[in-house]
Amino acid sequence: MAEEEQAELARRFSRDMNRGVAELAQLGYPAHFFKKMLAEHGAVEAARRLVSDPKPSYGLWRLQELSRLNASVEMWVLLPWFEPLFDQETRDRAERELRLLDVDVDRELRQLVSRLQPPA
């Protein structure tokens, strides 16, 4: 992938992460820690750090409580169009963390892709 395409994809990921944080705030979860990470590291690096942390995040637990794991960083790292932003180890770890919460990752990812992709 060309450098400019990679940069545009990273900007799209950042817009999506910030939009997601705003939507979650409306549900009563302000995601203060993740917002701070976004400001300090940018969206791609914040996602890498969050997924790589050996401790499951409070946010992941909170999203499970809200039945919104489809809004988790872990799920968005797995979206096929964001694959070039993350190495396979990060993507594998994101999937493992979701599976530990008994998420049917394949089904949830299909539904999320279907919801987010523009109609043909």
N, C-alpha and C. Protein backbone atom coordinates (compact mmCIF):
# COMPACT_ATOMS: atom_id res chain seq x y z
N MET A 1 0.85 -1.17 0.00
CA MET A 1 0.00 0.00 0.00
C MET A 1 0.90 1.23 0.00
N ALA A 2 0.57 2.19 -0.85
CA ALA A 2 1.34 3.43 -0.95
C ALA A 2 1.23 4.22 0.36
N GLU A 3 2.26 5.01 0.62
CA GLU A 3 2.32 5.76 1.87
C GLU A 3 1.11 6.70 2.04
N GLU A 4 0.70 7.36 0.96
CA GLU A 4 -0.44 8.28 1.05
C GLU A 4 -1.74 7.51 1.31
N GLU A 5 -1.88 6.34 0.70
CA GLU A 5 -3.07 5.52 0.96
C GLU A 5 -3.10 5.06 2.41
N GLN A 6 -1.94 4.69 2.94
CA GLN A 6 -1.82 4.28 4.34
C GLN A 6 -2.19 5.44 5.26
N ALA A 7 -1.72 6.62 4.93
CA ALA A 7 -2.03 7.81 5.75
C ALA A 7 -3.52 8.12 5.71
N GLU A 8 -4.14 8.01 4.54
CA GLU A 8 -5.58 8.26 4.42
C GLU A 8 -6.37 7.22 5.22
N LEU A 9 -5.93 5.97 5.17
CA LEU A 9 -6.60 4.91 5.93
C LEU A 9 -6.48 5.19 7.43
N ALA A 10 -5.32 5.64 7.87
CA ALA A 10 -5.13 5.99 9.28
C ALA A 10 -6.03 7.16 9.68
N ARG A 11 -6.20 8.13 8.79
CA ARG A 11 -7.12 9.25 9.08
C ARG A 11 -8.56 8.75 9.19
N ARG A 12 -8.93 7.83 8.31
CA ARG A 12 -10.28 7.26 8.37
C ARG A 12 -10.49 6.51 9.69
N PHE A 13 -9.49 5.73 10.09
CA PHE A 13 -9.58 5.01 11.36
C PHE A 13 -9.74 6.00 12.51
N SER A 14 -8.99 7.08 12.47
CA SER A 14 -9.07 8.10 13.51
C SER A 14 -10.47 8.72 13.56
N ARG A 15 -11.01 9.07 12.39
CA ARG A 15 -12.37 9.64 12.35
C ARG A 15 -13.37 8.64 12.94
N ASP A 16 -13.24 7.38 12.55
CA ASP A 16 -14.17 6.36 13.04
C ASP A 16 -14.05 6.17 14.56
N MET A 17 -12.82 6.19 15.08
CA MET A 17 -12.63 6.03 16.52
C MET A 17 -13.23 7.21 17.27
N ASN A 18 -13.00 8.41 16.78
CA ASN A 18 -13.55 9.60 17.44
C ASN A 18 -15.08 9.63 17.37
N ARG A 19 -15.63 9.23 16.24
CA ARG A 19 -17.09 9.15 16.10
C ARG A 19 -17.65 8.10 17.08
N GLY A 20 -16.95 6.98 17.19
CA GLY A 20 -17.39 5.93 18.11
C GLY A 20 -17.37 6.39 19.55
N VAL A 21 -16.34 7.12 19.93
CA VAL A 21 -16.26 7.65 21.30
C VAL A 21 -17.44 8.58 21.57
N ALA A 22 -17.78 9.41 20.60
CA ALA A 22 -18.92 10.33 20.76
C ALA A 22 -20.22 9.54 20.91
N GLU A 23 -20.40 8.51 20.11
CA GLU A 23 -21.63 7.69 20.21
C GLU A 23 -21.72 6.99 21.56
N LEU A 24 -20.59 6.48 22.05
CA LEU A 24 -20.59 5.80 23.34
C LEU A 24 -20.87 6.76 24.48
N ALA A 25 -20.41 7.99 24.36
CA ALA A 25 -20.68 8.98 25.39
C ALA A 25 -22.19 9.21 25.52
N GLN A 26 -22.89 9.18 24.38
CA GLN A 26 -24.35 9.34 24.41
C GLN A 26 -25.03 8.17 25.12
N LEU A 27 -24.35 7.02 25.19
CA LEU A 27 -24.90 5.85 25.89
C LEU A 27 -24.50 5.82 27.36
N GLY A 28 -23.76 6.85 27.79
CA GLY A 28 -23.37 6.91 29.19
C GLY A 28 -21.98 6.38 29.47
N TYR A 29 -21.21 6.09 28.43
CA TYR A 29 -19.83 5.65 28.61
C TYR A 29 -18.89 6.64 27.92
N PRO A 30 -18.30 7.56 28.69
CA PRO A 30 -17.50 8.61 28.08
C PRO A 30 -16.10 8.19 27.61
N ALA A 31 -15.63 7.01 27.95
CA ALA A 31 -14.33 6.48 27.48
C ALA A 31 -13.20 7.48 27.68
N HIS A 32 -13.09 8.04 28.86
CA HIS A 32 -12.07 9.05 29.15
C HIS A 32 -10.65 8.55 28.86
N PHE A 33 -10.35 7.34 29.31
CA PHE A 33 -9.00 6.80 29.13
C PHE A 33 -8.67 6.68 27.64
N PHE A 34 -9.59 6.15 26.85
CA PHE A 34 -9.32 5.99 25.42
C PHE A 34 -9.20 7.35 24.73
N LYS A 35 -10.03 8.32 25.12
CA LYS A 35 -9.92 9.67 24.54
C LYS A 35 -8.54 10.26 24.82
N LYS A 36 -8.04 10.04 26.02
CA LYS A 36 -6.71 10.52 26.37
C LYS A 36 -5.65 9.83 25.50
N MET A 37 -5.80 8.52 25.31
CA MET A 37 -4.87 7.77 24.46
C MET A 37 -4.92 8.29 23.02
N LEU A 38 -6.12 8.57 22.52
CA LEU A 38 -6.26 9.10 21.16
C LEU A 38 -5.50 10.42 21.02
N ALA A 39 -5.65 11.29 22.01
CA ALA A 39 -5.00 12.59 21.97
C ALA A 39 -3.47 12.46 22.05
N GLU A 40 -3.00 11.53 22.87
CA GLU A 40 -1.56 11.39 23.07
C GLU A 40 -0.85 10.63 21.95
N HIS A 41 -1.51 9.61 21.40
CA HIS A 41 -0.82 8.68 20.50
C HIS A 41 -1.40 8.60 19.10
N GLY A 42 -2.56 9.17 18.88
CA GLY A 42 -3.23 8.98 17.61
C GLY A 42 -4.00 7.66 17.65
N ALA A 43 -4.95 7.51 16.75
CA ALA A 43 -5.87 6.38 16.81
C ALA A 43 -5.20 5.03 16.58
N VAL A 44 -4.34 4.94 15.58
CA VAL A 44 -3.74 3.64 15.25
C VAL A 44 -2.85 3.17 16.39
N GLU A 45 -1.99 4.04 16.89
CA GLU A 45 -1.09 3.65 17.98
C GLU A 45 -1.88 3.40 19.27
N ALA A 46 -2.90 4.19 19.53
CA ALA A 46 -3.73 3.96 20.72
C ALA A 46 -4.39 2.59 20.64
N ALA A 47 -4.89 2.24 19.47
CA ALA A 47 -5.51 0.91 19.30
C ALA A 47 -4.49 -0.19 19.51
N ARG A 48 -3.30 -0.04 18.94
CA ARG A 48 -2.25 -1.05 19.14
C ARG A 48 -1.93 -1.22 20.62
N ARG A 49 -1.77 -0.11 21.30
CA ARG A 49 -1.41 -0.17 22.72
C ARG A 49 -2.52 -0.82 23.54
N LEU A 50 -3.74 -0.45 23.25
CA LEU A 50 -4.87 -0.99 24.00
C LEU A 50 -4.99 -2.49 23.79
N VAL A 51 -4.89 -2.93 22.56
CA VAL A 51 -5.02 -4.35 22.25
C VAL A 51 -3.82 -5.14 22.79
N SER A 52 -2.64 -4.53 22.79
CA SER A 52 -1.42 -5.23 23.23
C SER A 52 -1.28 -5.31 24.74
N ASP A 53 -2.04 -4.51 25.46
CA ASP A 53 -1.94 -4.52 26.92
C ASP A 53 -2.35 -5.90 27.43
N PRO A 54 -1.52 -6.52 28.28
CA PRO A 54 -1.86 -7.86 28.77
C PRO A 54 -3.11 -7.89 29.67
N LYS A 55 -3.47 -6.75 30.24
CA LYS A 55 -4.68 -6.70 31.06
C LYS A 55 -5.86 -6.31 30.18
N PRO A 56 -6.96 -7.03 30.28
CA PRO A 56 -8.16 -6.61 29.54
C PRO A 56 -8.57 -5.21 30.01
N SER A 57 -8.98 -4.39 29.08
CA SER A 57 -9.31 -3.02 29.42
C SER A 57 -10.68 -2.92 30.09
N TYR A 58 -10.82 -1.89 30.91
CA TYR A 58 -12.12 -1.59 31.51
C TYR A 58 -13.12 -1.32 30.40
N GLY A 59 -12.68 -0.65 29.35
CA GLY A 59 -13.57 -0.31 28.25
C GLY A 59 -14.19 -1.53 27.61
N LEU A 60 -13.41 -2.58 27.43
CA LEU A 60 -13.94 -3.79 26.82
C LEU A 60 -15.02 -4.40 27.71
N TRP A 61 -14.75 -4.43 29.00
CA TRP A 61 -15.76 -4.93 29.94
C TRP A 61 -17.01 -4.06 29.91
N ARG A 62 -16.82 -2.74 29.88
CA ARG A 62 -17.96 -1.81 29.87
C ARG A 62 -18.79 -1.95 28.60
N LEU A 63 -18.12 -2.13 27.46
CA LEU A 63 -18.85 -2.32 26.20
C LEU A 63 -19.62 -3.63 26.21
N GLN A 64 -19.06 -4.64 26.84
CA GLN A 64 -19.80 -5.90 26.96
C GLN A 64 -21.06 -5.67 27.79
N GLU A 65 -20.93 -4.92 28.86
CA GLU A 65 -22.06 -4.60 29.73
C GLU A 65 -23.15 -3.86 28.96
N LEU A 66 -22.73 -3.00 28.02
CA LEU A 66 -23.67 -2.22 27.21
C LEU A 66 -24.14 -2.98 25.96
N SER A 67 -23.69 -4.23 25.80
CA SER A 67 -23.98 -5.02 24.59
C SER A 67 -23.53 -4.28 23.34
N ARG A 68 -22.35 -3.67 23.42
CA ARG A 68 -21.82 -2.89 22.30
C ARG A 68 -20.38 -3.28 21.98
N LEU A 69 -20.05 -4.56 22.11
CA LEU A 69 -18.71 -4.99 21.76
C LEU A 69 -18.39 -4.74 20.29
N ASN A 70 -19.44 -4.56 19.48
CA ASN A 70 -19.20 -4.22 18.08
C ASN A 70 -18.59 -2.83 17.93
N ALA A 71 -18.60 -2.05 19.00
CA ALA A 71 -17.99 -0.72 18.98
C ALA A 71 -16.60 -0.73 19.60
N SER A 72 -16.11 -1.90 19.96
CA SER A 72 -14.81 -1.98 20.62
C SER A 72 -13.67 -1.77 19.64
N VAL A 73 -12.58 -1.27 20.15
CA VAL A 73 -11.36 -1.12 19.35
C VAL A 73 -10.97 -2.49 18.79
N GLU A 74 -11.11 -3.52 19.61
CA GLU A 74 -10.74 -4.87 19.18
C GLU A 74 -11.51 -5.28 17.92
N MET A 75 -12.80 -4.99 17.88
CA MET A 75 -13.60 -5.35 16.71
C MET A 75 -13.20 -4.51 15.50
N TRP A 76 -12.94 -3.24 15.70
CA TRP A 76 -12.60 -2.36 14.58
C TRP A 76 -11.22 -2.67 14.01
N VAL A 77 -10.31 -3.14 14.86
CA VAL A 77 -8.99 -3.57 14.38
C VAL A 77 -9.15 -4.73 13.39
N LEU A 78 -10.22 -5.51 13.56
CA LEU A 78 -10.45 -6.68 12.71
C LEU A 78 -11.19 -6.36 11.42
N LEU A 79 -11.71 -5.16 11.27
CA LEU A 79 -12.41 -4.82 10.03
C LEU A 79 -11.46 -4.97 8.85
N PRO A 80 -11.92 -5.63 7.79
CA PRO A 80 -11.00 -5.93 6.67
C PRO A 80 -10.35 -4.70 6.05
N TRP A 81 -11.05 -3.59 5.97
CA TRP A 81 -10.45 -2.41 5.33
C TRP A 81 -9.38 -1.75 6.20
N PHE A 82 -9.34 -2.07 7.50
CA PHE A 82 -8.29 -1.52 8.36
C PHE A 82 -7.13 -2.50 8.56
N GLU A 83 -7.20 -3.67 7.94
CA GLU A 83 -6.15 -4.68 8.08
C GLU A 83 -4.75 -4.13 7.80
N PRO A 84 -4.55 -3.28 6.78
CA PRO A 84 -3.19 -2.79 6.51
C PRO A 84 -2.59 -1.95 7.65
N LEU A 85 -3.40 -1.50 8.58
CA LEU A 85 -2.90 -0.66 9.67
C LEU A 85 -2.31 -1.47 10.82
N PHE A 86 -2.63 -2.76 10.89
CA PHE A 86 -2.27 -3.55 12.06
C PHE A 86 -1.58 -4.84 11.64
N ASP A 87 -0.54 -5.21 12.38
CA ASP A 87 0.13 -6.47 12.07
C ASP A 87 -0.74 -7.65 12.53
N GLN A 88 -0.39 -8.81 12.06
CA GLN A 88 -1.20 -10.00 12.34
C GLN A 88 -1.26 -10.31 13.83
N GLU A 89 -0.17 -10.06 14.54
CA GLU A 89 -0.16 -10.31 15.99
C GLU A 89 -1.21 -9.46 16.71
N THR A 90 -1.31 -8.20 16.33
CA THR A 90 -2.30 -7.30 16.94
C THR A 90 -3.71 -7.77 16.61
N ARG A 91 -3.92 -8.14 15.36
CA ARG A 91 -5.24 -8.61 14.95
C ARG A 91 -5.60 -9.92 15.68
N ASP A 92 -4.66 -10.82 15.80
CA ASP A 92 -4.90 -12.09 16.51
C ASP A 92 -5.24 -11.84 17.97
N ARG A 93 -4.51 -10.93 18.58
CA ARG A 93 -4.76 -10.62 19.99
C ARG A 93 -6.16 -10.00 20.18
N ALA A 94 -6.54 -9.11 19.27
CA ALA A 94 -7.87 -8.51 19.34
C ALA A 94 -8.94 -9.59 19.26
N GLU A 95 -8.76 -10.52 18.35
CA GLU A 95 -9.74 -11.60 18.21
C GLU A 95 -9.78 -12.47 19.46
N ARG A 96 -8.61 -12.79 20.03
CA ARG A 96 -8.58 -13.61 21.24
C ARG A 96 -9.29 -12.93 22.39
N GLU A 97 -9.07 -11.63 22.55
CA GLU A 97 -9.72 -10.90 23.65
C GLU A 97 -11.24 -10.95 23.51
N LEU A 98 -11.73 -10.81 22.31
CA LEU A 98 -13.18 -10.89 22.08
C LEU A 98 -13.70 -12.30 22.34
N ARG A 99 -12.96 -13.29 21.87
CA ARG A 99 -13.40 -14.68 22.08
C ARG A 99 -13.41 -15.04 23.57
N LEU A 100 -12.50 -14.47 24.35
CA LEU A 100 -12.51 -14.71 25.80
C LEU A 100 -13.79 -14.20 26.45
N LEU A 101 -14.45 -13.26 25.79
CA LEU A 101 -15.73 -12.74 26.29
C LEU A 101 -16.90 -13.46 25.63
N ASP A 102 -16.62 -14.60 25.01
CA ASP A 102 -17.64 -15.43 24.35
C ASP A 102 -18.32 -14.73 23.18
N VAL A 103 -17.57 -13.87 22.51
CA VAL A 103 -18.10 -13.20 21.32
C VAL A 103 -17.93 -14.14 20.13
N ASP A 104 -18.98 -14.29 19.35
CA ASP A 104 -18.87 -14.99 18.07
C ASP A 104 -18.29 -13.98 17.09
N VAL A 105 -16.98 -13.93 17.05
CA VAL A 105 -16.27 -12.88 16.31
C VAL A 105 -16.65 -12.89 14.84
N ASP A 106 -16.71 -14.07 14.24
CA ASP A 106 -17.03 -14.14 12.81
C ASP A 106 -18.41 -13.55 12.52
N ARG A 107 -19.39 -13.93 13.31
CA ARG A 107 -20.75 -13.41 13.12
C ARG A 107 -20.81 -11.91 13.36
N GLU A 108 -20.23 -11.46 14.46
CA GLU A 108 -20.27 -10.03 14.80
C GLU A 108 -19.54 -9.20 13.74
N LEU A 109 -18.44 -9.73 13.25
CA LEU A 109 -17.68 -9.00 12.23
C LEU A 109 -18.46 -8.93 10.93
N ARG A 110 -19.10 -10.03 10.54
CA ARG A 110 -19.95 -10.01 9.33
C ARG A 110 -21.05 -8.96 9.46
N GLN A 111 -21.70 -8.93 10.62
CA GLN A 111 -22.78 -7.96 10.84
C GLN A 111 -22.25 -6.53 10.80
N LEU A 112 -21.10 -6.31 11.40
CA LEU A 112 -20.52 -4.97 11.42
C LEU A 112 -20.12 -4.54 10.01
N VAL A 113 -19.49 -5.43 9.27
CA VAL A 113 -19.10 -5.12 7.89
C VAL A 113 -20.33 -4.80 7.06
N SER A 114 -21.37 -5.60 7.22
CA SER A 114 -22.61 -5.41 6.47
C SER A 114 -23.22 -4.04 6.80
N ARG A 115 -23.19 -3.68 8.06
CA ARG A 115 -23.78 -2.41 8.50
C ARG A 115 -22.97 -1.21 8.03
N LEU A 116 -21.66 -1.35 7.96
CA LEU A 116 -20.79 -0.21 7.66
C LEU A 116 -20.49 -0.03 6.18
N GLN A 117 -20.56 -1.12 5.40
CA GLN A 117 -20.24 -0.99 3.99
C GLN A 117 -21.37 -0.30 3.25
N PRO A 118 -21.01 0.64 2.41
CA PRO A 118 -22.06 1.30 1.62
C PRO A 118 -22.67 0.32 0.63
N PRO A 119 -23.95 0.47 0.33
CA PRO A 119 -24.59 -0.44 -0.64
C PRO A 119 -23.92 -0.32 -2.00
N ALA A 120 -23.88 -1.43 -2.69
CA ALA A 120 -23.23 -1.46 -4.02
C ALA A 120 -24.07 -0.76 -5.06
